[in-house]
C-alpha atoms as a PDB file:
ATOM      1  CA  UNK A   1      -5.584 -30.316   0.391  1.00  0.00           C
ATOM      2  CA  UNK A   2      -6.437 -28.488   3.651  1.00  0.00           C
ATOM      3  CA  UNK A   3      -3.115 -26.645   3.695  1.00  0.00           C
ATOM      4  CA  UNK A   4      -3.783 -24.925   0.401  1.00  0.00           C
ATOM      5  CA  UNK A   5      -7.248 -23.786   1.521  1.00  0.00           C
ATOM      6  CA  UNK A   6      -5.925 -22.448   4.842  1.00  0.00           C
ATOM      7  CA  UNK A   7      -2.998 -20.736   3.221  1.00  0.00           C
ATOM      8  CA  UNK A   8      -5.186 -19.173   0.511  1.00  0.00           C
ATOM      9  CA  UNK A   9      -7.696 -17.958   3.072  1.00  0.00           C
ATOM     10  CA  UNK A  10      -4.917 -16.486   5.224  1.00  0.00           C
ATOM     11  CA  UNK A  11      -3.361 -14.716   2.220  1.00  0.00           C
ATOM     12  CA  UNK A  12      -6.736 -13.299   1.143  1.00  0.00           C
ATOM     13  CA  UNK A  13      -7.441 -11.979   4.639  1.00  0.00           C
ATOM     14  CA  UNK A  14      -3.975 -10.433   4.891  1.00  0.00           C
ATOM     15  CA  UNK A  15      -4.453  -8.781   1.504  1.00  0.00           C
ATOM     16  CA  UNK A  16      -7.823  -7.423   2.564  1.00  0.00           C
ATOM     17  CA  UNK A  17      -6.399  -6.025   5.801  1.00  0.00           C
ATOM     18  CA  UNK A  18      -3.446  -4.513   3.925  1.00  0.00           C
ATOM     19  CA  UNK A  19      -5.792  -2.766   1.487  1.00  0.00           C
ATOM     20  CA  UNK A  20      -7.882  -1.421   4.386  1.00  0.00           C
ATOM     21  CA  UNK A  21      -4.747  -0.018   6.031  1.00  0.00           C
ATOM     22  CA  UNK A  22      -3.562   1.573   2.760  1.00  0.00           C
ATOM     23  CA  UNK A  23      -7.031   3.151   2.218  1.00  0.00           C
ATOM     24  CA  UNK A  24      -6.925   4.485   5.776  1.00  0.00           C
ATOM     25  CA  UNK A  25      -3.890   6.554   4.858  1.00  0.00           C
ATOM     26  CA  UNK A  26      -6.183   8.764   2.745  1.00  0.00           C
ATOM     27  CA  UNK A  27      -5.566  10.386  -0.608  1.00  0.00           C
ATOM     28  CA  UNK A  28      -3.207  10.900  -2.376  1.00  0.00           C
ATOM     29  CA  UNK A  29      -1.071   8.540  -0.319  1.00  0.00           C
ATOM     30  CA  UNK A  30      -3.230   5.489  -0.932  1.00  0.00           C
ATOM     31  CA  UNK A  31      -3.221   6.115  -4.672  1.00  0.00           C
ATOM     32  CA  UNK A  32       0.528   6.611  -4.703  1.00  0.00           C
ATOM     33  CA  UNK A  33       1.162   3.329  -2.911  1.00  0.00           C
ATOM     34  CA  UNK A  34      -1.264   1.347  -5.080  1.00  0.00           C
ATOM     35  CA  UNK A  35       0.145   2.783  -8.292  1.00  0.00           C
ATOM     36  CA  UNK A  36       3.731   2.178  -7.186  1.00  0.00           C
ATOM     37  CA  UNK A  37       3.509  -1.277  -5.722  1.00  0.00           C
ATOM     38  CA  UNK A  38       0.516  -2.822  -7.514  1.00  0.00           C
ATOM     39  CA  UNK A  39       0.783  -1.261 -10.966  1.00  0.00           C
ATOM     40  CA  UNK A  40       4.599  -0.746 -10.855  1.00  0.00           C
ATOM     41  CA  UNK A  41       4.398   2.903 -11.945  1.00  0.00           C
ATOM     42  CA  UNK A  42       7.361   5.142 -11.400  1.00  0.00           C
ATOM     43  CA  UNK A  43       7.264   8.560  -9.681  1.00  0.00           C
ATOM     44  CA  UNK A  44       6.996  10.452 -12.916  1.00  0.00           C
ATOM     45  CA  UNK A  45       4.038   8.450 -14.118  1.00  0.00           C
ATOM     46  CA  UNK A  46       2.290   8.775 -10.751  1.00  0.00           C
ATOM     47  CA  UNK A  47       2.997  12.493 -10.643  1.00  0.00           C
ATOM     48  CA  UNK A  48       1.358  12.981 -14.031  1.00  0.00           C
ATOM     49  CA  UNK A  49      -1.705  10.977 -12.985  1.00  0.00           C
ATOM     50  CA  UNK A  50      -2.153  12.888  -9.721  1.00  0.00           C
ATOM     51  CA  UNK A  51      -0.979  16.290 -11.039  1.00  0.00           C
ATOM     52  CA  UNK A  52       1.936  16.428  -8.619  1.00  0.00           C
ATOM     53  CA  UNK A  53       5.668  16.922  -8.753  1.00  0.00           C
ATOM     54  CA  UNK A  54       7.679  13.671  -8.955  1.00  0.00           C
ATOM     55  CA  UNK A  55       9.770  14.709  -5.913  1.00  0.00           C
ATOM     56  CA  UNK A  56       6.515  15.269  -3.955  1.00  0.00           C
ATOM     57  CA  UNK A  57       5.333  11.769  -4.980  1.00  0.00           C
ATOM     58  CA  UNK A  58       8.582  10.196  -3.731  1.00  0.00           C
ATOM     59  CA  UNK A  59       8.386  12.121  -0.403  1.00  0.00           C
ATOM     60  CA  UNK A  60       4.776  11.249   0.141  1.00  0.00           C
ATOM     61  CA  UNK A  61       5.455   7.607  -0.736  1.00  0.00           C
ATOM     62  CA  UNK A  62       8.283   7.391   1.759  1.00  0.00           C
ATOM     63  CA  UNK A  63       6.213   8.957   4.529  1.00  0.00           C
ATOM     64  CA  UNK A  64       3.160   6.872   3.678  1.00  0.00           C
ATOM     65  CA  UNK A  65       5.226   3.660   3.847  1.00  0.00           C
ATOM     66  CA  UNK A  66       6.455   4.634   7.295  1.00  0.00           C
ATOM     67  CA  UNK A  67       2.891   5.266   8.491  1.00  0.00           C
ATOM     68  CA  UNK A  68       1.688   2.039   6.863  1.00  0.00           C
ATOM     69  CA  UNK A  69       4.381  -0.010   8.611  1.00  0.00           C
ATOM     70  CA  UNK A  70       3.402   1.510  11.939  1.00  0.00           C
ATOM     71  CA  UNK A  71      -0.346   0.915  11.434  1.00  0.00           C
ATOM     72  CA  UNK A  72       0.319  -2.696  10.320  1.00  0.00           C
ATOM     73  CA  UNK A  73       2.487  -3.346  13.362  1.00  0.00           C
ATOM     74  CA  UNK A  74      -0.131  -1.783  15.662  1.00  0.00           C
ATOM     75  CA  UNK A  75      -2.735  -4.065  14.059  1.00  0.00           C
ATOM     76  CA  UNK A  76      -0.515  -7.100  14.663  1.00  0.00           C
ATOM     77  CA  UNK A  77       0.159  -7.740  11.004  1.00  0.00           C
ATOM     78  CA  UNK A  78       3.640  -8.843   9.934  1.00  0.00           C
ATOM     79  CA  UNK A  79       4.583  -9.280   6.341  1.00  0.00           C
END
């Protein structure tokens, strides 16, 4: 049906734009968000991967989410 095609295309475009916005945050913030929300890793696991302190991972994640929300809003993307 046409609805499925349109909905799928819209979801794919939104996912692509979201990934672009995440990558624009730079490292290590992009890696932290991807590991946390895509791979469901906890702060300790991410900290070991990125050679960081778990508290630093949590702080960077929180700040990166705030910046991501703002950049998505500025780009006219609502989730």
